[in-house]
């Protein structure tokens, strides 16, 4: 019985105390970056042109016909530019809560998304992969609060969630290796799409045309 109770406590503790190498410096995740939440836009602020309002749909699928635009101007803290690091903290835990690079034109940040700026001494690419490493923790925490299919990560969660980091040269080495692997994965994905398109064209020419 005591062993079962201990296992439950350890399981819950894992969500906020993930594993890191012993030589890494430990601290609250929240302290490693500036986290700026987006705005709650109203329909009256939307227009047929201007800058896009960046929601989770735009982060995952890019600017589309469903994207909202606004000609109004807001605080520069919520202006999203190419290359910014974003963290979606609310939504369906497995598919929405995650870290992303913004790779589209600049726009305005919608609520439920943080624009994340790592503090001095933290490599931005390393921090991106740190957030990706912590995704199972984010998902578990959000599931505990899940209502009507949605979950969320709060500022308090980020303050309670333990993170860790090595010295800057090691951060950069880790970022370089993981970034190179991601680039290779993306290249292979693009090659697979190209080969699939060629296969469909050949099939059509042989059996349809």
N, C-alpha and C. Protein backbone atom coordinates (compact mmCIF):
# COMPACT_ATOMS: atom_id res chain seq x y z
N UNK A 1 0.83 -1.20 0.00
CA UNK A 1 0.00 0.00 0.00
C UNK A 1 0.86 1.25 0.00
N UNK A 2 1.90 1.27 0.87
CA UNK A 2 2.78 2.43 0.92
C UNK A 2 3.52 2.62 -0.40
N UNK A 3 3.90 1.51 -1.02
CA UNK A 3 4.58 1.59 -2.30
C UNK A 3 3.70 2.17 -3.38
N UNK A 4 2.40 1.78 -3.36
CA UNK A 4 1.46 2.32 -4.34
C UNK A 4 1.30 3.82 -4.15
N UNK A 5 1.20 4.28 -2.91
CA UNK A 5 1.04 5.71 -2.65
C UNK A 5 2.27 6.48 -3.11
N UNK A 6 3.46 5.90 -2.87
CA UNK A 6 4.70 6.56 -3.29
C UNK A 6 4.77 6.68 -4.79
N UNK A 7 4.31 5.64 -5.51
CA UNK A 7 4.34 5.68 -6.97
C UNK A 7 3.46 6.79 -7.51
N UNK A 8 2.29 6.99 -6.87
CA UNK A 8 1.39 8.05 -7.31
C UNK A 8 2.04 9.41 -7.12
N UNK A 9 2.67 9.62 -5.97
CA UNK A 9 3.34 10.90 -5.70
C UNK A 9 4.47 11.13 -6.70
N UNK A 10 5.28 10.08 -6.96
CA UNK A 10 6.38 10.21 -7.90
C UNK A 10 5.88 10.54 -9.29
N UNK A 11 4.75 9.92 -9.70
CA UNK A 11 4.20 10.16 -11.02
C UNK A 11 3.77 11.61 -11.17
N UNK A 12 3.12 12.14 -10.16
CA UNK A 12 2.70 13.53 -10.22
C UNK A 12 3.91 14.45 -10.18
N UNK A 13 4.91 14.10 -9.38
CA UNK A 13 6.10 14.94 -9.28
C UNK A 13 6.87 15.00 -10.58
N UNK A 14 6.81 13.94 -11.39
CA UNK A 14 7.53 13.90 -12.66
C UNK A 14 7.07 15.02 -13.58
N UNK A 15 5.82 15.40 -13.52
CA UNK A 15 5.32 16.44 -14.41
C UNK A 15 6.05 17.76 -14.23
N UNK A 16 6.43 18.06 -13.02
CA UNK A 16 7.08 19.34 -12.73
C UNK A 16 8.58 19.21 -12.47
N UNK A 17 9.08 17.97 -12.45
CA UNK A 17 10.50 17.74 -12.19
C UNK A 17 11.05 16.73 -13.19
N UNK A 18 11.20 17.14 -14.44
CA UNK A 18 11.71 16.22 -15.47
C UNK A 18 13.20 15.93 -15.26
N UNK A 19 13.69 14.94 -15.98
CA UNK A 19 15.09 14.54 -15.86
C UNK A 19 15.99 15.48 -16.66
N UNK A 20 17.11 15.86 -16.07
CA UNK A 20 18.16 16.61 -16.76
C UNK A 20 19.52 16.07 -16.29
N UNK A 21 20.56 16.26 -17.08
CA UNK A 21 21.90 15.86 -16.64
C UNK A 21 22.29 16.56 -15.34
N UNK A 22 23.05 15.87 -14.53
CA UNK A 22 23.38 16.37 -13.19
C UNK A 22 24.18 17.68 -13.22
N UNK A 23 24.99 17.89 -14.26
CA UNK A 23 25.84 19.08 -14.28
C UNK A 23 25.12 20.32 -14.80
N UNK A 24 23.87 20.18 -15.25
CA UNK A 24 23.12 21.34 -15.74
C UNK A 24 22.58 22.14 -14.55
N UNK A 25 22.53 23.46 -14.71
CA UNK A 25 22.01 24.33 -13.66
C UNK A 25 20.48 24.31 -13.69
N UNK A 26 19.85 24.11 -12.53
CA UNK A 26 18.40 23.98 -12.45
C UNK A 26 17.76 25.28 -11.96
N UNK A 27 16.56 25.55 -12.50
CA UNK A 27 15.83 26.75 -12.13
C UNK A 27 14.41 26.63 -12.67
N UNK A 28 13.49 27.50 -12.26
CA UNK A 28 12.14 27.47 -12.83
C UNK A 28 12.18 27.82 -14.33
N UNK A 29 11.39 27.13 -15.11
CA UNK A 29 11.35 27.40 -16.55
C UNK A 29 11.01 28.86 -16.82
N UNK A 30 10.09 29.40 -16.04
CA UNK A 30 9.62 30.77 -16.28
C UNK A 30 10.76 31.78 -16.21
N UNK A 31 11.78 31.51 -15.40
CA UNK A 31 12.86 32.47 -15.20
C UNK A 31 13.83 32.53 -16.37
N UNK A 32 13.72 31.61 -17.32
CA UNK A 32 14.67 31.54 -18.42
C UNK A 32 14.27 32.36 -19.63
N UNK A 33 13.11 33.02 -19.58
CA UNK A 33 12.66 33.78 -20.74
C UNK A 33 11.64 34.83 -20.32
N UNK A 34 11.38 35.72 -21.25
CA UNK A 34 10.26 36.66 -21.11
C UNK A 34 9.09 36.08 -21.89
N UNK A 35 7.94 36.01 -21.25
CA UNK A 35 6.75 35.39 -21.83
C UNK A 35 5.67 36.46 -22.02
N UNK A 36 5.40 36.82 -23.26
CA UNK A 36 4.41 37.87 -23.54
C UNK A 36 3.18 37.23 -24.17
N UNK A 37 2.05 37.35 -23.50
CA UNK A 37 0.81 36.77 -24.00
C UNK A 37 0.19 37.66 -25.07
N UNK A 38 -0.53 37.04 -26.01
CA UNK A 38 -1.21 37.78 -27.06
C UNK A 38 -2.46 38.49 -26.58
N UNK A 39 -3.13 39.14 -27.52
CA UNK A 39 -4.31 39.96 -27.21
C UNK A 39 -5.59 39.20 -27.50
N UNK A 40 -6.65 39.59 -26.80
CA UNK A 40 -7.99 39.07 -27.07
C UNK A 40 -8.67 40.03 -28.05
N UNK A 41 -8.63 39.68 -29.32
CA UNK A 41 -9.18 40.56 -30.34
C UNK A 41 -10.71 40.47 -30.38
N UNK A 42 -11.32 41.58 -30.75
CA UNK A 42 -12.77 41.63 -30.93
C UNK A 42 -13.08 41.74 -32.42
N UNK A 43 -14.26 41.29 -32.80
CA UNK A 43 -14.63 41.30 -34.22
C UNK A 43 -14.56 42.69 -34.82
N UNK A 44 -14.84 43.71 -34.02
CA UNK A 44 -14.85 45.08 -34.54
C UNK A 44 -13.45 45.52 -34.96
N UNK A 45 -12.43 44.83 -34.49
CA UNK A 45 -11.06 45.20 -34.83
C UNK A 45 -10.57 44.57 -36.12
N UNK A 46 -11.33 43.65 -36.68
CA UNK A 46 -10.91 42.96 -37.89
C UNK A 46 -11.26 43.79 -39.13
N UNK A 47 -10.48 43.59 -40.19
CA UNK A 47 -10.72 44.28 -41.46
C UNK A 47 -10.31 43.36 -42.60
N UNK A 48 -10.52 43.84 -43.83
CA UNK A 48 -10.20 42.99 -44.99
C UNK A 48 -8.75 43.10 -45.42
N UNK A 49 -7.97 43.92 -44.72
CA UNK A 49 -6.54 44.04 -45.02
C UNK A 49 -5.80 44.44 -43.75
N UNK A 50 -4.50 44.61 -43.88
CA UNK A 50 -3.69 44.93 -42.71
C UNK A 50 -2.78 43.77 -42.36
N UNK A 51 -2.39 43.70 -41.10
CA UNK A 51 -1.54 42.60 -40.65
C UNK A 51 -2.39 41.44 -40.15
N UNK A 52 -1.92 40.21 -40.33
CA UNK A 52 -2.69 39.04 -39.88
C UNK A 52 -2.69 38.92 -38.36
N UNK A 53 -3.78 38.36 -37.83
CA UNK A 53 -3.87 38.00 -36.42
C UNK A 53 -3.43 36.54 -36.32
N UNK A 54 -2.38 36.31 -35.56
CA UNK A 54 -1.74 35.00 -35.54
C UNK A 54 -2.30 34.15 -34.41
N UNK A 55 -3.07 33.12 -34.78
CA UNK A 55 -3.63 32.16 -33.85
C UNK A 55 -2.90 30.84 -34.05
N UNK A 56 -3.34 29.81 -33.31
CA UNK A 56 -2.69 28.51 -33.45
C UNK A 56 -2.88 27.97 -34.87
N UNK A 57 -3.99 28.31 -35.53
CA UNK A 57 -4.22 27.84 -36.90
C UNK A 57 -3.17 28.40 -37.85
N UNK A 58 -2.79 29.66 -37.65
CA UNK A 58 -1.77 30.26 -38.50
C UNK A 58 -0.39 29.69 -38.18
N UNK A 59 -0.12 29.42 -36.92
CA UNK A 59 1.17 28.85 -36.54
C UNK A 59 1.36 27.49 -37.19
N UNK A 60 0.31 26.70 -37.22
CA UNK A 60 0.43 25.33 -37.72
C UNK A 60 0.22 25.24 -39.23
N UNK A 61 -0.59 26.13 -39.79
CA UNK A 61 -0.93 26.00 -41.21
C UNK A 61 -0.60 27.20 -42.07
N UNK A 62 -0.06 28.27 -41.47
CA UNK A 62 0.28 29.45 -42.25
C UNK A 62 -0.93 30.35 -42.50
N UNK A 63 -0.69 31.46 -43.16
CA UNK A 63 -1.76 32.39 -43.50
C UNK A 63 -2.68 31.73 -44.52
N UNK A 64 -3.99 31.83 -44.30
CA UNK A 64 -4.96 31.17 -45.18
C UNK A 64 -6.18 32.06 -45.39
N UNK A 65 -7.15 31.54 -46.09
CA UNK A 65 -8.38 32.26 -46.32
C UNK A 65 -9.20 32.46 -45.06
N UNK A 66 -8.87 31.70 -44.00
CA UNK A 66 -9.60 31.83 -42.74
C UNK A 66 -8.92 32.83 -41.78
N UNK A 67 -7.77 33.34 -42.17
CA UNK A 67 -7.02 34.25 -41.31
C UNK A 67 -7.73 35.59 -41.19
N UNK A 68 -7.76 36.14 -39.98
CA UNK A 68 -8.31 37.47 -39.73
C UNK A 68 -7.20 38.51 -39.85
N UNK A 69 -7.56 39.72 -40.30
CA UNK A 69 -6.60 40.81 -40.44
C UNK A 69 -7.10 42.04 -39.68
N UNK A 70 -6.16 42.90 -39.36
CA UNK A 70 -6.53 44.15 -38.70
C UNK A 70 -5.60 45.26 -39.16
N UNK A 71 -6.17 46.47 -39.31
CA UNK A 71 -5.37 47.65 -39.66
C UNK A 71 -4.98 48.45 -38.42
N UNK A 72 -5.46 48.03 -37.26
CA UNK A 72 -5.13 48.73 -36.04
C UNK A 72 -3.69 48.45 -35.60
N UNK A 73 -3.16 49.32 -34.75
CA UNK A 73 -1.81 49.18 -34.24
C UNK A 73 -1.85 48.91 -32.74
N UNK A 74 -1.00 48.01 -32.29
CA UNK A 74 -0.98 47.61 -30.88
C UNK A 74 0.44 47.71 -30.34
N UNK A 75 0.60 47.38 -29.07
CA UNK A 75 1.91 47.44 -28.44
C UNK A 75 2.89 46.55 -29.20
N UNK A 76 4.11 47.05 -29.36
CA UNK A 76 5.10 46.32 -30.14
C UNK A 76 5.45 44.97 -29.51
N UNK A 77 5.15 44.79 -28.22
CA UNK A 77 5.45 43.52 -27.55
C UNK A 77 4.67 42.36 -28.16
N UNK A 78 3.50 42.65 -28.76
CA UNK A 78 2.69 41.58 -29.34
C UNK A 78 2.78 41.55 -30.86
N UNK A 79 3.75 42.26 -31.42
CA UNK A 79 4.01 42.17 -32.85
C UNK A 79 4.92 40.96 -33.09
N UNK A 80 4.50 40.06 -33.94
CA UNK A 80 5.26 38.85 -34.23
C UNK A 80 6.01 39.04 -35.54
N UNK A 81 7.31 38.77 -35.50
CA UNK A 81 8.16 38.90 -36.68
C UNK A 81 8.75 37.54 -37.07
N UNK A 82 9.18 37.47 -38.31
CA UNK A 82 9.79 36.24 -38.82
C UNK A 82 10.93 35.81 -37.89
N UNK A 83 10.91 34.54 -37.49
CA UNK A 83 11.95 34.00 -36.63
C UNK A 83 11.66 34.05 -35.15
N UNK A 84 10.50 34.63 -34.77
CA UNK A 84 10.15 34.68 -33.35
C UNK A 84 9.80 33.28 -32.84
N UNK A 85 10.10 33.05 -31.56
CA UNK A 85 9.76 31.80 -30.89
C UNK A 85 8.41 31.97 -30.21
N UNK A 86 7.46 31.09 -30.52
CA UNK A 86 6.12 31.16 -29.97
C UNK A 86 5.80 29.88 -29.20
N UNK A 87 5.01 30.04 -28.14
CA UNK A 87 4.59 28.90 -27.34
C UNK A 87 3.08 28.96 -27.16
N UNK A 88 2.39 27.99 -27.73
CA UNK A 88 0.94 27.90 -27.60
C UNK A 88 0.61 27.19 -26.29
N UNK A 89 -0.07 27.91 -25.39
CA UNK A 89 -0.27 27.37 -24.04
C UNK A 89 -1.70 26.90 -23.76
N UNK A 90 -2.55 26.96 -24.76
CA UNK A 90 -3.94 26.54 -24.55
C UNK A 90 -4.46 25.83 -25.79
N UNK A 91 -5.29 24.81 -25.58
CA UNK A 91 -5.88 24.09 -26.69
C UNK A 91 -5.93 22.60 -26.41
N UNK A 92 -6.07 21.81 -27.45
CA UNK A 92 -6.05 20.37 -27.30
C UNK A 92 -4.62 19.97 -26.93
N UNK A 93 -4.41 19.35 -25.77
CA UNK A 93 -3.04 19.18 -25.26
C UNK A 93 -2.07 18.52 -26.23
N UNK A 94 -2.48 17.42 -26.86
CA UNK A 94 -1.54 16.67 -27.70
C UNK A 94 -1.18 17.38 -28.99
N UNK A 95 -2.07 18.23 -29.51
CA UNK A 95 -1.85 18.79 -30.85
C UNK A 95 -1.62 20.30 -30.86
N UNK A 96 -1.99 21.00 -29.81
CA UNK A 96 -1.90 22.46 -29.83
C UNK A 96 -0.83 23.03 -28.92
N UNK A 97 -0.59 22.42 -27.77
CA UNK A 97 0.36 22.97 -26.81
C UNK A 97 1.77 22.55 -27.21
N UNK A 98 2.55 23.55 -27.67
CA UNK A 98 3.87 23.22 -28.20
C UNK A 98 4.63 24.51 -28.49
N UNK A 99 5.90 24.36 -28.85
CA UNK A 99 6.75 25.49 -29.24
C UNK A 99 6.89 25.51 -30.76
N UNK A 100 6.94 26.70 -31.33
CA UNK A 100 6.99 26.86 -32.78
C UNK A 100 7.89 28.04 -33.14
N UNK A 101 8.51 27.95 -34.31
CA UNK A 101 9.14 29.11 -34.92
C UNK A 101 8.16 29.76 -35.87
N UNK A 102 8.06 31.09 -35.84
CA UNK A 102 7.19 31.78 -36.80
C UNK A 102 7.99 32.04 -38.06
N UNK A 103 7.53 31.52 -39.20
CA UNK A 103 8.25 31.61 -40.46
C UNK A 103 7.46 32.33 -41.54
N UNK A 104 6.49 33.13 -41.16
CA UNK A 104 5.65 33.85 -42.11
C UNK A 104 5.78 35.35 -41.88
N UNK A 105 5.08 36.19 -42.69
CA UNK A 105 5.18 37.64 -42.50
C UNK A 105 4.72 38.07 -41.12
N UNK A 106 5.11 39.26 -40.71
CA UNK A 106 4.80 39.73 -39.36
C UNK A 106 3.31 39.97 -39.19
N UNK A 107 2.87 39.90 -37.94
CA UNK A 107 1.46 40.10 -37.63
C UNK A 107 1.31 40.37 -36.14
N UNK A 108 0.07 40.27 -35.67
CA UNK A 108 -0.25 40.53 -34.26
C UNK A 108 -0.59 39.22 -33.57
N UNK A 109 -0.11 39.07 -32.35
CA UNK A 109 -0.24 37.81 -31.62
C UNK A 109 -1.59 37.72 -30.93
N UNK A 110 -2.31 36.63 -31.17
CA UNK A 110 -3.58 36.39 -30.52
C UNK A 110 -3.37 35.80 -29.12
N UNK A 111 -4.40 35.90 -28.29
CA UNK A 111 -4.33 35.34 -26.95
C UNK A 111 -4.11 33.83 -27.00
N UNK A 112 -3.67 33.26 -25.87
CA UNK A 112 -3.39 31.84 -25.72
C UNK A 112 -2.05 31.43 -26.33
N UNK A 113 -1.27 32.44 -26.76
CA UNK A 113 0.06 32.18 -27.31
C UNK A 113 1.05 33.15 -26.67
N UNK A 114 2.18 32.63 -26.22
CA UNK A 114 3.26 33.48 -25.70
C UNK A 114 4.27 33.74 -26.81
N UNK A 115 4.74 34.98 -26.91
CA UNK A 115 5.96 35.25 -27.65
C UNK A 115 7.10 35.15 -26.64
N UNK A 116 8.05 34.26 -26.91
CA UNK A 116 9.05 33.90 -25.91
C UNK A 116 10.42 34.45 -26.31
N UNK A 117 11.02 35.20 -25.41
CA UNK A 117 12.36 35.74 -25.64
C UNK A 117 13.28 35.24 -24.53
N UNK A 118 14.17 34.30 -24.83
CA UNK A 118 15.07 33.76 -23.80
C UNK A 118 15.94 34.86 -23.18
N UNK A 119 16.27 34.71 -21.92
CA UNK A 119 17.10 35.67 -21.22
C UNK A 119 18.54 35.57 -21.69
N UNK A 120 19.36 36.55 -21.30
CA UNK A 120 20.77 36.55 -21.65
C UNK A 120 21.45 35.30 -21.09
N UNK A 121 22.26 34.68 -21.93
CA UNK A 121 22.94 33.46 -21.52
C UNK A 121 22.22 32.19 -21.91
N UNK A 122 21.03 32.33 -22.53
CA UNK A 122 20.27 31.17 -23.00
C UNK A 122 20.15 31.25 -24.51
N UNK A 123 20.70 30.28 -25.19
CA UNK A 123 20.64 30.25 -26.65
C UNK A 123 19.19 30.01 -27.11
N UNK A 124 18.64 30.85 -28.00
CA UNK A 124 17.24 30.70 -28.41
C UNK A 124 16.92 29.33 -29.03
N UNK A 125 17.83 28.81 -29.84
CA UNK A 125 17.57 27.51 -30.47
C UNK A 125 17.60 26.40 -29.42
N UNK A 126 18.56 26.48 -28.50
CA UNK A 126 18.58 25.51 -27.40
C UNK A 126 17.29 25.59 -26.61
N UNK A 127 16.80 26.81 -26.35
CA UNK A 127 15.58 26.95 -25.55
C UNK A 127 14.37 26.38 -26.29
N UNK A 128 14.33 26.53 -27.61
CA UNK A 128 13.27 25.91 -28.41
C UNK A 128 13.26 24.40 -28.19
N UNK A 129 14.43 23.78 -28.26
CA UNK A 129 14.48 22.32 -28.08
C UNK A 129 14.22 21.94 -26.63
N UNK A 130 14.55 22.80 -25.69
CA UNK A 130 14.19 22.55 -24.29
C UNK A 130 12.67 22.49 -24.14
N UNK A 131 11.97 23.43 -24.78
CA UNK A 131 10.50 23.43 -24.73
C UNK A 131 9.94 22.18 -25.41
N UNK A 132 10.55 21.78 -26.52
CA UNK A 132 10.09 20.56 -27.20
C UNK A 132 10.32 19.33 -26.32
N UNK A 133 11.44 19.29 -25.63
CA UNK A 133 11.74 18.19 -24.71
C UNK A 133 10.70 18.11 -23.60
N UNK A 134 10.20 19.28 -23.18
CA UNK A 134 9.24 19.33 -22.08
C UNK A 134 7.80 19.13 -22.54
N UNK A 135 7.58 18.88 -23.82
CA UNK A 135 6.20 18.74 -24.30
C UNK A 135 5.41 17.67 -23.56
N UNK A 136 5.96 16.47 -23.28
CA UNK A 136 5.18 15.49 -22.50
C UNK A 136 4.74 16.03 -21.15
N UNK A 137 5.57 16.87 -20.54
CA UNK A 137 5.20 17.49 -19.26
C UNK A 137 4.06 18.48 -19.45
N UNK A 138 4.16 19.30 -20.51
CA UNK A 138 3.10 20.25 -20.80
C UNK A 138 1.78 19.52 -21.05
N UNK A 139 1.85 18.45 -21.83
CA UNK A 139 0.63 17.70 -22.15
C UNK A 139 0.02 17.11 -20.89
N UNK A 140 0.85 16.53 -20.02
CA UNK A 140 0.34 15.94 -18.78
C UNK A 140 -0.28 16.98 -17.87
N UNK A 141 0.37 18.14 -17.74
CA UNK A 141 -0.18 19.21 -16.90
C UNK A 141 -1.50 19.70 -17.47
N UNK A 142 -1.55 19.92 -18.79
CA UNK A 142 -2.78 20.42 -19.41
C UNK A 142 -3.92 19.42 -19.31
N UNK A 143 -3.60 18.14 -19.43
CA UNK A 143 -4.65 17.11 -19.31
C UNK A 143 -5.33 17.17 -17.95
N UNK A 144 -4.57 17.48 -16.91
CA UNK A 144 -5.14 17.54 -15.56
C UNK A 144 -6.16 18.66 -15.42
N UNK A 145 -6.12 19.65 -16.35
CA UNK A 145 -7.05 20.77 -16.29
C UNK A 145 -8.04 20.75 -17.45
N UNK A 146 -8.03 19.68 -18.21
CA UNK A 146 -8.77 19.63 -19.46
C UNK A 146 -10.27 19.69 -19.25
N UNK A 147 -10.92 20.62 -19.94
CA UNK A 147 -12.38 20.74 -19.94
C UNK A 147 -12.84 20.93 -21.37
N UNK A 148 -13.90 20.23 -21.76
CA UNK A 148 -14.46 20.30 -23.12
C UNK A 148 -13.37 20.15 -24.19
N UNK A 149 -12.44 19.25 -23.95
CA UNK A 149 -11.41 18.97 -24.94
C UNK A 149 -10.21 19.89 -24.91
N UNK A 150 -10.24 20.94 -24.08
CA UNK A 150 -9.15 21.91 -24.03
C UNK A 150 -8.40 21.83 -22.71
N UNK A 151 -7.12 22.13 -22.76
CA UNK A 151 -6.30 22.22 -21.56
C UNK A 151 -5.42 23.44 -21.67
N UNK A 152 -4.69 23.77 -20.63
CA UNK A 152 -3.86 24.96 -20.69
C UNK A 152 -2.68 24.86 -19.72
N UNK A 153 -1.66 25.69 -20.02
CA UNK A 153 -0.49 25.84 -19.17
C UNK A 153 -0.48 27.28 -18.67
N UNK A 154 -0.47 27.48 -17.37
CA UNK A 154 -0.53 28.81 -16.80
C UNK A 154 0.86 29.33 -16.44
N UNK A 155 0.92 30.62 -16.12
CA UNK A 155 2.16 31.21 -15.62
C UNK A 155 2.63 30.46 -14.38
N UNK A 156 1.71 30.10 -13.50
CA UNK A 156 2.07 29.35 -12.29
C UNK A 156 2.72 28.01 -12.64
N UNK A 157 2.20 27.35 -13.67
CA UNK A 157 2.80 26.08 -14.11
C UNK A 157 4.24 26.30 -14.58
N UNK A 158 4.46 27.37 -15.34
CA UNK A 158 5.81 27.66 -15.83
C UNK A 158 6.75 27.99 -14.68
N UNK A 159 6.22 28.61 -13.64
CA UNK A 159 7.03 28.92 -12.46
C UNK A 159 7.35 27.67 -11.65
N UNK A 160 6.43 26.71 -11.64
CA UNK A 160 6.62 25.48 -10.86
C UNK A 160 7.40 24.40 -11.61
N UNK A 161 7.42 24.51 -12.94
CA UNK A 161 8.08 23.49 -13.75
C UNK A 161 9.59 23.70 -13.74
N UNK A 162 10.31 22.69 -13.28
CA UNK A 162 11.76 22.79 -13.19
C UNK A 162 12.40 22.61 -14.56
N UNK A 163 13.34 23.48 -14.88
CA UNK A 163 14.12 23.37 -16.12
C UNK A 163 15.59 23.34 -15.75
N UNK A 164 16.44 23.16 -16.75
CA UNK A 164 17.87 23.15 -16.51
C UNK A 164 18.59 23.47 -17.80
N UNK A 165 19.82 23.92 -17.67
CA UNK A 165 20.59 24.28 -18.86
C UNK A 165 22.08 24.16 -18.56
N UNK A 166 22.89 23.83 -19.59
CA UNK A 166 24.34 23.78 -19.41
C UNK A 166 24.96 25.14 -19.74
N UNK A 167 26.27 25.19 -19.76
CA UNK A 167 26.96 26.42 -20.14
C UNK A 167 26.69 26.72 -21.62
N UNK A 168 26.85 28.00 -21.99
CA UNK A 168 26.46 28.45 -23.31
C UNK A 168 27.12 27.67 -24.46
N UNK A 169 28.40 27.35 -24.41
CA UNK A 169 28.99 26.57 -25.52
C UNK A 169 28.30 25.22 -25.71
N UNK A 170 27.93 24.56 -24.61
CA UNK A 170 27.24 23.28 -24.72
C UNK A 170 25.82 23.48 -25.26
N UNK A 171 25.16 24.56 -24.84
CA UNK A 171 23.85 24.88 -25.40
C UNK A 171 23.92 24.99 -26.92
N UNK A 172 24.93 25.73 -27.39
CA UNK A 172 25.06 25.96 -28.83
C UNK A 172 25.39 24.68 -29.58
N UNK A 173 26.17 23.81 -28.96
CA UNK A 173 26.49 22.53 -29.59
C UNK A 173 25.24 21.67 -29.72
N UNK A 174 24.44 21.63 -28.66
CA UNK A 174 23.19 20.87 -28.69
C UNK A 174 22.25 21.44 -29.74
N UNK A 175 22.13 22.77 -29.78
CA UNK A 175 21.25 23.42 -30.74
C UNK A 175 21.69 23.11 -32.17
N UNK A 176 23.01 23.11 -32.41
CA UNK A 176 23.52 22.84 -33.76
C UNK A 176 23.19 21.42 -34.20
N UNK A 177 23.41 20.45 -33.32
CA UNK A 177 23.17 19.05 -33.68
C UNK A 177 21.68 18.81 -33.94
N UNK A 178 20.83 19.27 -33.03
CA UNK A 178 19.39 19.04 -33.19
C UNK A 178 18.84 19.83 -34.37
N UNK A 179 19.36 21.04 -34.58
CA UNK A 179 18.92 21.83 -35.73
C UNK A 179 19.27 21.15 -37.04
N UNK A 180 20.47 20.56 -37.11
CA UNK A 180 20.89 19.85 -38.32
C UNK A 180 19.99 18.65 -38.59
N UNK A 181 19.62 17.94 -37.53
CA UNK A 181 18.72 16.79 -37.69
C UNK A 181 17.34 17.24 -38.18
N UNK A 182 16.84 18.34 -37.63
CA UNK A 182 15.54 18.86 -38.07
C UNK A 182 15.59 19.28 -39.54
N UNK A 183 16.71 19.91 -39.94
CA UNK A 183 16.85 20.31 -41.34
C UNK A 183 16.83 19.09 -42.25
N UNK A 184 17.48 18.02 -41.83
CA UNK A 184 17.51 16.79 -42.63
C UNK A 184 16.12 16.17 -42.71
N UNK A 185 15.39 16.18 -41.58
CA UNK A 185 14.03 15.64 -41.58
C UNK A 185 13.13 16.44 -42.52
N UNK A 186 13.26 17.76 -42.49
CA UNK A 186 12.45 18.61 -43.36
C UNK A 186 12.80 18.37 -44.82
N UNK A 187 14.09 18.23 -45.13
CA UNK A 187 14.50 17.95 -46.51
C UNK A 187 13.93 16.63 -46.99
N UNK A 188 13.98 15.60 -46.15
CA UNK A 188 13.42 14.30 -46.52
C UNK A 188 11.91 14.38 -46.72
N UNK A 189 11.25 15.19 -45.89
CA UNK A 189 9.80 15.36 -46.05
C UNK A 189 9.47 16.00 -47.40
N UNK A 190 10.24 17.03 -47.77
CA UNK A 190 10.01 17.69 -49.04
C UNK A 190 10.30 16.76 -50.21
N UNK A 191 11.36 15.94 -50.09
CA UNK A 191 11.68 14.98 -51.14
C UNK A 191 10.57 13.95 -51.28
N UNK A 192 10.01 13.50 -50.14
CA UNK A 192 8.92 12.52 -50.18
C UNK A 192 7.69 13.11 -50.88
N UNK A 193 7.40 14.39 -50.59
CA UNK A 193 6.27 15.05 -51.25
C UNK A 193 6.50 15.14 -52.76
N UNK A 194 7.73 15.48 -53.14
CA UNK A 194 8.04 15.59 -54.57
C UNK A 194 7.90 14.24 -55.26
N UNK A 195 8.44 13.18 -54.63
CA UNK A 195 8.34 11.85 -55.22
C UNK A 195 6.89 11.38 -55.30
N UNK A 196 6.09 11.73 -54.31
CA UNK A 196 4.68 11.36 -54.34
C UNK A 196 3.96 12.06 -55.49
N UNK A 197 4.29 13.34 -55.73
CA UNK A 197 3.69 14.08 -56.84
C UNK A 197 4.10 13.46 -58.18
N UNK A 198 5.36 13.07 -58.30
CA UNK A 198 5.83 12.44 -59.54
C UNK A 198 5.11 11.11 -59.76
N UNK A 199 4.96 10.33 -58.68
CA UNK A 199 4.27 9.04 -58.79
C UNK A 199 2.82 9.22 -59.23
N UNK A 200 2.15 10.22 -58.68
CA UNK A 200 0.76 10.46 -59.08
C UNK A 200 0.68 10.87 -60.54
N UNK A 201 1.63 11.71 -60.98
CA UNK A 201 1.63 12.15 -62.38
C UNK A 201 1.87 10.98 -63.33
N UNK A 202 2.81 10.07 -62.98
CA UNK A 202 3.07 8.90 -63.80
C UNK A 202 1.86 7.98 -63.84
N UNK A 203 1.24 7.76 -62.68
CA UNK A 203 0.05 6.91 -62.62
C UNK A 203 -1.04 7.46 -63.51
N UNK A 204 -1.24 8.78 -63.44
CA UNK A 204 -2.28 9.41 -64.26
C UNK A 204 -1.98 9.28 -65.74
N UNK A 205 -0.69 9.46 -66.12
CA UNK A 205 -0.34 9.37 -67.53
C UNK A 205 -0.49 7.96 -68.07
N UNK A 206 -0.23 6.96 -67.22
CA UNK A 206 -0.31 5.58 -67.68
C UNK A 206 -1.74 5.05 -67.69
N UNK A 207 -2.50 5.32 -66.64
CA UNK A 207 -3.78 4.63 -66.46
C UNK A 207 -5.00 5.52 -66.65
N UNK A 208 -4.80 6.82 -66.71
CA UNK A 208 -5.96 7.72 -66.88
C UNK A 208 -5.94 8.39 -68.24
N UNK A 209 -4.83 9.07 -68.53
CA UNK A 209 -4.75 9.78 -69.80
C UNK A 209 -4.67 8.82 -71.00
